[in-house]
Amino acid sequence: MKKVPQRRNKLAGKGKSRSSEKKKAYDTKYHGTKERKKYRAKLNKENREHPNRKEHDKSHTKSGKLVNESQSKNRARNQAGRSLKNV
């Protein structure tokens, strides 16, 4: 009889945990609120009226306006581990 090597991760393929089910339920409820729907509608309207140029994203300014900004600058500002002290 051939011996099968043991898996490194014994939980692999055992299904998702309850916490992911709870998060999905929370996210569904959160994104279904009037405020979130209104916010998404505003962003979709802005993208329809003023489409992004190539390699650009919409960026939120401090005054609340949406402007086109290069992806690299917009996304680099929100990197994980980036300290607000260095801003």
PDB file of N, CA and C in Angstrom:
ATOM      1  N   MET A   1       0.832  -1.184   0.000  1.00  0.00           N
ATOM      2  CA  MET A   1       0.000   0.000   0.000  1.00  0.00           C
ATOM      3  C   MET A   1       0.879   1.250   0.000  1.00  0.00           C
ATOM      4  N   LYS A   2       0.573   2.190  -0.888  1.00  0.00           N
ATOM      5  CA  LYS A   2       1.361   3.407  -1.016  1.00  0.00           C
ATOM      6  C   LYS A   2       0.969   4.403   0.068  1.00  0.00           C
ATOM      7  N   LYS A   3       1.985   4.985   0.706  1.00  0.00           N
ATOM      8  CA  LYS A   3       1.727   5.945   1.766  1.00  0.00           C
ATOM      9  C   LYS A   3       1.500   7.337   1.162  1.00  0.00           C
ATOM     10  N   VAL A   4       0.410   7.993   1.544  1.00  0.00           N
ATOM     11  CA  VAL A   4       0.061   9.322   1.036  1.00  0.00           C
ATOM     12  C   VAL A   4       0.631  10.367   1.989  1.00  0.00           C
ATOM     13  N   PRO A   5       1.346  11.359   1.454  1.00  0.00           N
ATOM     14  CA  PRO A   5       1.905  12.383   2.352  1.00  0.00           C
ATOM     15  C   PRO A   5       0.803  13.204   3.015  1.00  0.00           C
ATOM     16  N   GLN A   6       1.083  13.641   4.231  1.00  0.00           N
ATOM     17  CA  GLN A   6       0.109  14.427   4.986  1.00  0.00           C
ATOM     18  C   GLN A   6       0.057  15.855   4.443  1.00  0.00           C
ATOM     19  N   ARG A   7      -1.129  16.429   4.413  1.00  0.00           N
ATOM     20  CA  ARG A   7      -1.272  17.814   3.950  1.00  0.00           C
ATOM     21  C   ARG A   7      -0.668  18.768   4.952  1.00  0.00           C
ATOM     22  N   ARG A   8      -0.135  19.858   4.441  1.00  0.00           N
ATOM     23  CA  ARG A   8       0.389  20.892   5.337  1.00  0.00           C
ATOM     24  C   ARG A   8      -0.748  21.551   6.103  1.00  0.00           C
ATOM     25  N   ASN A   9      -1.782  21.923   5.353  1.00  0.00           N
ATOM     26  CA  ASN A   9      -2.918  22.582   5.964  1.00  0.00           C
ATOM     27  C   ASN A   9      -4.029  21.556   6.131  1.00  0.00           C
ATOM     28  N   LYS A  10      -4.242  21.125   7.356  1.00  0.00           N
ATOM     29  CA  LYS A  10      -5.226  20.083   7.613  1.00  0.00           C
ATOM     30  C   LYS A  10      -6.655  20.565   7.393  1.00  0.00           C
ATOM     31  N   LEU A  11      -6.867  21.884   7.384  1.00  0.00           N
ATOM     32  CA  LEU A  11      -8.206  22.439   7.209  1.00  0.00           C
ATOM     33  C   LEU A  11      -8.543  22.712   5.749  1.00  0.00           C
ATOM     34  N   ALA A  12      -7.582  22.493   4.861  1.00  0.00           N
ATOM     35  CA  ALA A  12      -7.814  22.791   3.446  1.00  0.00           C
ATOM     36  C   ALA A  12      -8.965  21.961   2.904  1.00  0.00           C
ATOM     37  N   GLY A  13      -9.901  22.613   2.245  1.00  0.00           N
ATOM     38  CA  GLY A  13     -11.022  21.925   1.628  1.00  0.00           C
ATOM     39  C   GLY A  13     -12.119  21.525   2.589  1.00  0.00           C
ATOM     40  N   LYS A  14     -12.081  22.014   3.817  1.00  0.00           N
ATOM     41  CA  LYS A  14     -13.081  21.629   4.813  1.00  0.00           C
ATOM     42  C   LYS A  14     -14.283  22.578   4.829  1.00  0.00           C
ATOM     43  N   GLY A  15     -14.321  23.553   3.932  1.00  0.00           N
ATOM     44  CA  GLY A  15     -15.436  24.494   3.895  1.00  0.00           C
ATOM     45  C   GLY A  15     -15.087  25.791   4.584  1.00  0.00           C
ATOM     46  N   LYS A  16     -15.944  26.769   4.388  1.00  0.00           N
ATOM     47  CA  LYS A  16     -15.693  28.093   4.973  1.00  0.00           C
ATOM     48  C   LYS A  16     -16.192  28.149   6.409  1.00  0.00           C
ATOM     49  N   SER A  17     -15.624  29.055   7.143  1.00  0.00           N
ATOM     50  CA  SER A  17     -16.008  29.198   8.542  1.00  0.00           C
ATOM     51  C   SER A  17     -17.297  30.014   8.656  1.00  0.00           C
ATOM     52  N   ARG A  18     -17.863  30.012   9.836  1.00  0.00           N
ATOM     53  CA  ARG A  18     -19.095  30.772  10.070  1.00  0.00           C
ATOM     54  C   ARG A  18     -18.850  32.265   9.996  1.00  0.00           C
ATOM     55  N   SER A  19     -17.619  32.687  10.306  1.00  0.00           N
ATOM     56  CA  SER A  19     -17.338  34.122  10.311  1.00  0.00           C
ATOM     57  C   SER A  19     -17.497  34.716   8.911  1.00  0.00           C
ATOM     58  N   SER A  20     -17.135  33.960   7.857  1.00  0.00           N
ATOM     59  CA  SER A  20     -17.297  34.481   6.506  1.00  0.00           C
ATOM     60  C   SER A  20     -18.773  34.583   6.142  1.00  0.00           C
ATOM     61  N   GLU A  21     -19.600  33.676   6.680  1.00  0.00           N
ATOM     62  CA  GLU A  21     -21.039  33.754   6.450  1.00  0.00           C
ATOM     63  C   GLU A  21     -21.613  34.992   7.125  1.00  0.00           C
ATOM     64  N   LYS A  22     -21.121  35.279   8.337  1.00  0.00           N
ATOM     65  CA  LYS A  22     -21.584  36.457   9.065  1.00  0.00           C
ATOM     66  C   LYS A  22     -21.183  37.731   8.342  1.00  0.00           C
ATOM     67  N   LYS A  23     -19.947  37.751   7.807  1.00  0.00           N
ATOM     68  CA  LYS A  23     -19.478  38.941   7.093  1.00  0.00           C
ATOM     69  C   LYS A  23     -20.305  39.160   5.836  1.00  0.00           C
ATOM     70  N   LYS A  24     -20.616  38.094   5.116  1.00  0.00           N
ATOM     71  CA  LYS A  24     -21.424  38.225   3.914  1.00  0.00           C
ATOM     72  C   LYS A  24     -22.806  38.784   4.253  1.00  0.00           C
ATOM     73  N   ALA A  25     -23.395  38.295   5.344  1.00  0.00           N
ATOM     74  CA  ALA A  25     -24.704  38.785   5.766  1.00  0.00           C
ATOM     75  C   ALA A  25     -24.620  40.272   6.142  1.00  0.00           C
ATOM     76  N   TYR A  26     -23.559  40.655   6.860  1.00  0.00           N
ATOM     77  CA  TYR A  26     -23.380  42.058   7.241  1.00  0.00           C
ATOM     78  C   TYR A  26     -23.202  42.929   6.003  1.00  0.00           C
ATOM     79  N   ASP A  27     -22.330  42.491   5.075  1.00  0.00           N
ATOM     80  CA  ASP A  27     -22.074  43.281   3.868  1.00  0.00           C
ATOM     81  C   ASP A  27     -23.334  43.461   3.038  1.00  0.00           C
ATOM     82  N   THR A  28     -24.133  42.400   2.929  1.00  0.00           N
ATOM     83  CA  THR A  28     -25.387  42.473   2.173  1.00  0.00           C
ATOM     84  C   THR A  28     -26.311  43.522   2.778  1.00  0.00           C
ATOM     85  N   LYS A  29     -26.409  43.505   4.099  1.00  0.00           N
ATOM     86  CA  LYS A  29     -27.263  44.472   4.789  1.00  0.00           C
ATOM     87  C   LYS A  29     -26.706  45.897   4.639  1.00  0.00           C
ATOM     88  N   TYR A  30     -25.393  46.045   4.808  1.00  0.00           N
ATOM     89  CA  TYR A  30     -24.757  47.361   4.739  1.00  0.00           C
ATOM     90  C   TYR A  30     -24.886  47.984   3.354  1.00  0.00           C
ATOM     91  N   HIS A  31     -24.587  47.208   2.313  1.00  0.00           N
ATOM     92  CA  HIS A  31     -24.618  47.743   0.954  1.00  0.00           C
ATOM     93  C   HIS A  31     -26.038  47.898   0.424  1.00  0.00           C
ATOM     94  N   GLY A  32     -27.024  47.404   1.157  1.00  0.00           N
ATOM     95  CA  GLY A  32     -28.420  47.557   0.758  1.00  0.00           C
ATOM     96  C   GLY A  32     -29.084  48.787   1.360  1.00  0.00           C
ATOM     97  N   THR A  33     -28.346  49.543   2.188  1.00  0.00           N
ATOM     98  CA  THR A  33     -28.943  50.721   2.812  1.00  0.00           C
ATOM     99  C   THR A  33     -29.133  51.842   1.793  1.00  0.00           C
ATOM    100  N   LYS A  34     -30.022  52.764   2.108  1.00  0.00           N
ATOM    101  CA  LYS A  34     -30.313  53.881   1.200  1.00  0.00           C
ATOM    102  C   LYS A  34     -29.065  54.718   0.928  1.00  0.00           C
ATOM    103  N   GLU A  35     -28.271  54.945   1.968  1.00  0.00           N
ATOM    104  CA  GLU A  35     -27.074  55.785   1.816  1.00  0.00           C
ATOM    105  C   GLU A  35     -26.083  55.167   0.829  1.00  0.00           C
ATOM    106  N   ARG A  36     -25.852  53.842   0.956  1.00  0.00           N
ATOM    107  CA  ARG A  36     -24.904  53.168   0.058  1.00  0.00           C
ATOM    108  C   ARG A  36     -25.414  53.154  -1.370  1.00  0.00           C
ATOM    109  N   LYS A  37     -26.713  52.922  -1.565  1.00  0.00           N
ATOM    110  CA  LYS A  37     -27.291  52.907  -2.912  1.00  0.00           C
ATOM    111  C   LYS A  37     -27.171  54.285  -3.550  1.00  0.00           C
ATOM    112  N   LYS A  38     -27.439  55.319  -2.755  1.00  0.00           N
ATOM    113  CA  LYS A  38     -27.339  56.694  -3.255  1.00  0.00           C
ATOM    114  C   LYS A  38     -25.894  57.024  -3.625  1.00  0.00           C
ATOM    115  N   TYR A  39     -24.946  56.581  -2.794  1.00  0.00           N
ATOM    116  CA  TYR A  39     -23.526  56.821  -3.044  1.00  0.00           C
ATOM    117  C   TYR A  39     -23.079  56.127  -4.333  1.00  0.00           C
ATOM    118  N   ARG A  40     -23.478  54.855  -4.510  1.00  0.00           N
ATOM    119  CA  ARG A  40     -23.120  54.125  -5.727  1.00  0.00           C
ATOM    120  C   ARG A  40     -23.741  54.764  -6.958  1.00  0.00           C
ATOM    121  N   ALA A  41     -24.984  55.236  -6.833  1.00  0.00           N
ATOM    122  CA  ALA A  41     -25.655  55.886  -7.963  1.00  0.00           C
ATOM    123  C   ALA A  41     -24.907  57.160  -8.359  1.00  0.00           C
ATOM    124  N   LYS A  42     -24.432  57.897  -7.366  1.00  0.00           N
ATOM    125  CA  LYS A  42     -23.667  59.128  -7.631  1.00  0.00           C
ATOM    126  C   LYS A  42     -22.372  58.803  -8.386  1.00  0.00           C
ATOM    127  N   LEU A  43     -21.663  57.761  -7.945  1.00  0.00           N
ATOM    128  CA  LEU A  43     -20.414  57.386  -8.602  1.00  0.00           C
ATOM    129  C   LEU A  43     -20.665  56.883 -10.022  1.00  0.00           C
ATOM    130  N   ASN A  44     -21.733  56.088 -10.207  1.00  0.00           N
ATOM    131  CA  ASN A  44     -22.054  55.585 -11.539  1.00  0.00           C
ATOM    132  C   ASN A  44     -22.419  56.713 -12.485  1.00  0.00           C
ATOM    133  N   LYS A  45     -23.166  57.697 -11.992  1.00  0.00           N
ATOM    134  CA  LYS A  45     -23.549  58.853 -12.812  1.00  0.00           C
ATOM    135  C   LYS A  45     -22.309  59.642 -13.230  1.00  0.00           C
ATOM    136  N   GLU A  46     -21.409  59.843 -12.283  1.00  0.00           N
ATOM    137  CA  GLU A  46     -20.165  60.577 -12.568  1.00  0.00           C
ATOM    138  C   GLU A  46     -19.346  59.848 -13.629  1.00  0.00           C
ATOM    139  N   ASN A  47     -19.277  58.534 -13.535  1.00  0.00           N
ATOM    140  CA  ASN A  47     -18.515  57.756 -14.518  1.00  0.00           C
ATOM    141  C   ASN A  47     -19.179  57.772 -15.896  1.00  0.00           C
ATOM    142  N   ARG A  48     -20.504  57.838 -15.933  1.00  0.00           N
ATOM    143  CA  ARG A  48     -21.203  57.934 -17.222  1.00  0.00           C
ATOM    144  C   ARG A  48     -20.958  59.282 -17.881  1.00  0.00           C
ATOM    145  N   GLU A  49     -21.071  60.358 -17.084  1.00  0.00           N
ATOM    146  CA  GLU A  49     -20.959  61.716 -17.640  1.00  0.00           C
ATOM    147  C   GLU A  49     -19.516  62.105 -17.935  1.00  0.00           C
ATOM    148  N   HIS A  50     -18.596  61.642 -17.120  1.00  0.00           N
ATOM    149  CA  HIS A  50     -17.175  61.975 -17.284  1.00  0.00           C
ATOM    150  C   HIS A  50     -16.355  60.706 -17.201  1.00  0.00           C
ATOM    151  N   PRO A  51     -16.272  59.932 -18.274  1.00  0.00           N
ATOM    152  CA  PRO A  51     -15.531  58.659 -18.223  1.00  0.00           C
ATOM    153  C   PRO A  51     -14.049  58.880 -17.912  1.00  0.00           C
ATOM    154  N   ASN A  52     -13.461  57.873 -17.327  1.00  0.00           N
ATOM    155  CA  ASN A  52     -12.035  57.943 -17.005  1.00  0.00           C
ATOM    156  C   ASN A  52     -11.202  57.850 -18.277  1.00  0.00           C
ATOM    157  N   ARG A  53     -10.099  58.570 -18.283  1.00  0.00           N
ATOM    158  CA  ARG A  53      -9.137  58.398 -19.364  1.00  0.00           C
ATOM    159  C   ARG A  53      -8.367  57.109 -19.117  1.00  0.00           C
ATOM    160  N   LYS A  54      -7.553  56.731 -20.072  1.00  0.00           N
ATOM    161  CA  LYS A  54      -6.774  55.509 -19.930  1.00  0.00           C
ATOM    162  C   LYS A  54      -5.838  55.629 -18.726  1.00  0.00           C
ATOM    163  N   GLU A  55      -5.791  54.591 -17.919  1.00  0.00           N
ATOM    164  CA  GLU A  55      -4.941  54.509 -16.722  1.00  0.00           C
ATOM    165  C   GLU A  55      -5.264  55.586 -15.690  1.00  0.00           C
ATOM    166  N   HIS A  56      -6.540  55.998 -15.611  1.00  0.00           N
ATOM    167  CA  HIS A  56      -6.965  56.968 -14.613  1.00  0.00           C
ATOM    168  C   HIS A  56      -8.122  56.402 -13.794  1.00  0.00           C
ATOM    169  N   ASP A  57      -8.235  56.879 -12.563  1.00  0.00           N
ATOM    170  CA  ASP A  57      -9.327  56.537 -11.655  1.00  0.00           C
ATOM    171  C   ASP A  57     -10.030  57.809 -11.248  1.00  0.00           C
ATOM    172  N   LYS A  58     -11.191  57.652 -10.622  1.00  0.00           N
ATOM    173  CA  LYS A  58     -11.838  58.782  -9.972  1.00  0.00           C
ATOM    174  C   LYS A  58     -11.225  58.901  -8.576  1.00  0.00           C
ATOM    175  N   SER A  59     -10.943  60.116  -8.187  1.00  0.00           N
ATOM    176  CA  SER A  59     -10.348  60.357  -6.883  1.00  0.00           C
ATOM    177  C   SER A  59     -11.213  61.352  -6.123  1.00  0.00           C
ATOM    178  N   HIS A  60     -11.392  61.125  -4.825  1.00  0.00           N
ATOM    179  CA  HIS A  60     -12.164  62.044  -3.991  1.00  0.00           C
ATOM    180  C   HIS A  60     -11.242  63.133  -3.452  1.00  0.00           C
ATOM    181  N   THR A  61     -11.646  64.391  -3.630  1.00  0.00           N
ATOM    182  CA  THR A  61     -10.872  65.502  -3.089  1.00  0.00           C
ATOM    183  C   THR A  61     -11.357  65.808  -1.680  1.00  0.00           C
ATOM    184  N   LYS A  62     -10.636  66.669  -0.986  1.00  0.00           N
ATOM    185  CA  LYS A  62     -11.016  67.028   0.382  1.00  0.00           C
ATOM    186  C   LYS A  62     -12.356  67.749   0.418  1.00  0.00           C
ATOM    187  N   SER A  63     -12.685  68.471  -0.659  1.00  0.00           N
ATOM    188  CA  SER A  63     -13.952  69.200  -0.694  1.00  0.00           C
ATOM    189  C   SER A  63     -15.123  68.307  -1.085  1.00  0.00           C
ATOM    190  N   GLY A  64     -14.844  67.037  -1.461  1.00  0.00           N
ATOM    191  CA  GLY A  64     -15.904  66.105  -1.798  1.00  0.00           C
ATOM    192  C   GLY A  64     -16.144  65.939  -3.285  1.00  0.00           C
ATOM    193  N   LYS A  65     -15.400  66.663  -4.126  1.00  0.00           N
ATOM    194  CA  LYS A  65     -15.550  66.524  -5.569  1.00  0.00           C
ATOM    195  C   LYS A  65     -14.854  65.261  -6.056  1.00  0.00           C
ATOM    196  N   LEU A  66     -15.230  64.818  -7.251  1.00  0.00           N
ATOM    197  CA  LEU A  66     -14.570  63.681  -7.883  1.00  0.00           C
ATOM    198  C   LEU A  66     -13.780  64.188  -9.076  1.00  0.00           C
ATOM    199  N   VAL A  67     -12.529  63.797  -9.154  1.00  0.00           N
ATOM    200  CA  VAL A  67     -11.673  64.225 -10.256  1.00  0.00           C
ATOM    201  C   VAL A  67     -10.934  63.009 -10.810  1.00  0.00           C
ATOM    202  N   ASN A  68     -10.501  63.095 -12.066  1.00  0.00           N
ATOM    203  CA  ASN A  68      -9.669  62.042 -12.641  1.00  0.00           C
ATOM    204  C   ASN A  68      -8.251  62.194 -12.117  1.00  0.00           C
ATOM    205  N   GLU A  69      -7.656  61.055 -11.742  1.00  0.00           N
ATOM    206  CA  GLU A  69      -6.282  61.060 -11.238  1.00  0.00           C
ATOM    207  C   GLU A  69      -5.648  59.750 -11.684  1.00  0.00           C
ATOM    208  N   SER A  70      -4.354  59.767 -11.923  1.00  0.00           N
ATOM    209  CA  SER A  70      -3.692  58.547 -12.373  1.00  0.00           C
ATOM    210  C   SER A  70      -3.842  57.452 -11.316  1.00  0.00           C
ATOM    211  N   GLN A  71      -3.975  56.225 -11.784  1.00  0.00           N
ATOM    212  CA  GLN A  71      -4.200  55.089 -10.887  1.00  0.00           C
ATOM    213  C   GLN A  71      -3.089  54.957  -9.865  1.00  0.00           C
ATOM    214  N   SER A  72      -1.852  55.126 -10.312  1.00  0.00           N
ATOM    215  CA  SER A  72      -0.718  54.901  -9.417  1.00  0.00           C
ATOM    216  C   SER A  72      -0.733  55.882  -8.245  1.00  0.00           C
ATOM    217  N   LYS A  73      -1.051  57.142  -8.503  1.00  0.00           N
ATOM    218  CA  LYS A  73      -1.084  58.129  -7.418  1.00  0.00           C
ATOM    219  C   LYS A  73      -2.268  57.892  -6.492  1.00  0.00           C
ATOM    220  N   ASN A  74      -3.429  57.620  -7.079  1.00  0.00           N
ATOM    221  CA  ASN A  74      -4.641  57.433  -6.282  1.00  0.00           C
ATOM    222  C   ASN A  74      -4.539  56.202  -5.391  1.00  0.00           C
ATOM    223  N   ARG A  75      -4.036  55.105  -5.926  1.00  0.00           N
ATOM    224  CA  ARG A  75      -3.970  53.863  -5.164  1.00  0.00           C
ATOM    225  C   ARG A  75      -2.791  53.837  -4.202  1.00  0.00           C
ATOM    226  N   ALA A  76      -1.720  54.515  -4.528  1.00  0.00           N
ATOM    227  CA  ALA A  76      -0.548  54.532  -3.644  1.00  0.00           C
ATOM    228  C   ALA A  76      -0.863  55.285  -2.357  1.00  0.00           C
ATOM    229  N   ARG A  77      -1.766  56.233  -2.429  1.00  0.00           N
ATOM    230  CA  ARG A  77      -2.111  57.031  -1.258  1.00  0.00           C
ATOM    231  C   ARG A  77      -2.781  56.175  -0.193  1.00  0.00           C
ATOM    232  N   ASN A  78      -3.422  55.082  -0.600  1.00  0.00           N
ATOM    233  CA  ASN A  78      -4.176  54.266   0.333  1.00  0.00           C
ATOM    234  C   ASN A  78      -3.540  52.908   0.596  1.00  0.00           C
ATOM    235  N   GLN A  79      -2.229  52.792   0.456  1.00  0.00           N
ATOM    236  CA  GLN A  79      -1.565  51.517   0.657  1.00  0.00           C
ATOM    237  C   GLN A  79      -1.619  51.098   2.124  1.00  0.00           C
ATOM    238  N   ALA A  80      -1.699  49.805   2.327  1.00  0.00           N
ATOM    239  CA  ALA A  80      -1.672  49.272   3.682  1.00  0.00           C
ATOM    240  C   ALA A  80      -0.315  49.542   4.305  1.00  0.00           C
ATOM    241  N   GLY A  81      -0.303  49.926   5.553  1.00  0.00           N
ATOM    242  CA  GLY A  81       0.943  50.176   6.250  1.00  0.00           C
ATOM    243  C   GLY A  81       1.495  51.579   6.052  1.00  0.00           C
ATOM    244  N   ARG A  82       0.838  52.371   5.231  1.00  0.00           N
ATOM    245  CA  ARG A  82       1.298  53.740   5.007  1.00  0.00           C
ATOM    246  C   ARG A  82       0.856  54.593   6.190  1.00  0.00           C
ATOM    247  N   SER A  83       1.805  55.218   6.835  1.00  0.00           N
ATOM    248  CA  SER A  83       1.527  56.017   8.006  1.00  0.00           C
ATOM    249  C   SER A  83       0.950  57.379   7.626  1.00  0.00           C
ATOM    250  N   LEU A  84      -0.022  57.838   8.387  1.00  0.00           N
ATOM    251  CA  LEU A  84      -0.597  59.162   8.120  1.00  0.00           C
ATOM    252  C   LEU A  84       0.368  60.272   8.535  1.00  0.00           C
ATOM    253  N   LYS A  85       1.370  59.931   9.333  1.00  0.00           N
ATOM    254  CA  LYS A  85       2.348  60.927   9.761  1.00  0.00           C
ATOM    255  C   LYS A  85       3.214  61.402   8.588  1.00  0.00           C
ATOM    256  N   ASN A  86       3.388  60.534   7.585  1.00  0.00           N
ATOM    257  CA  ASN A  86       4.257  60.857   6.459  1.00  0.00           C
ATOM    258  C   ASN A  86       3.543  61.660   5.385  1.00  0.00           C
ATOM    259  N   VAL A  87       2.280  61.983   5.579  1.00  0.00           N
ATOM    260  CA  VAL A  87       1.509  62.671   4.540  1.00  0.00           C
ATOM    261  C   VAL A  87       1.915  64.121   4.424  1.00  0.00           C
TER     262      VAL A  87
END
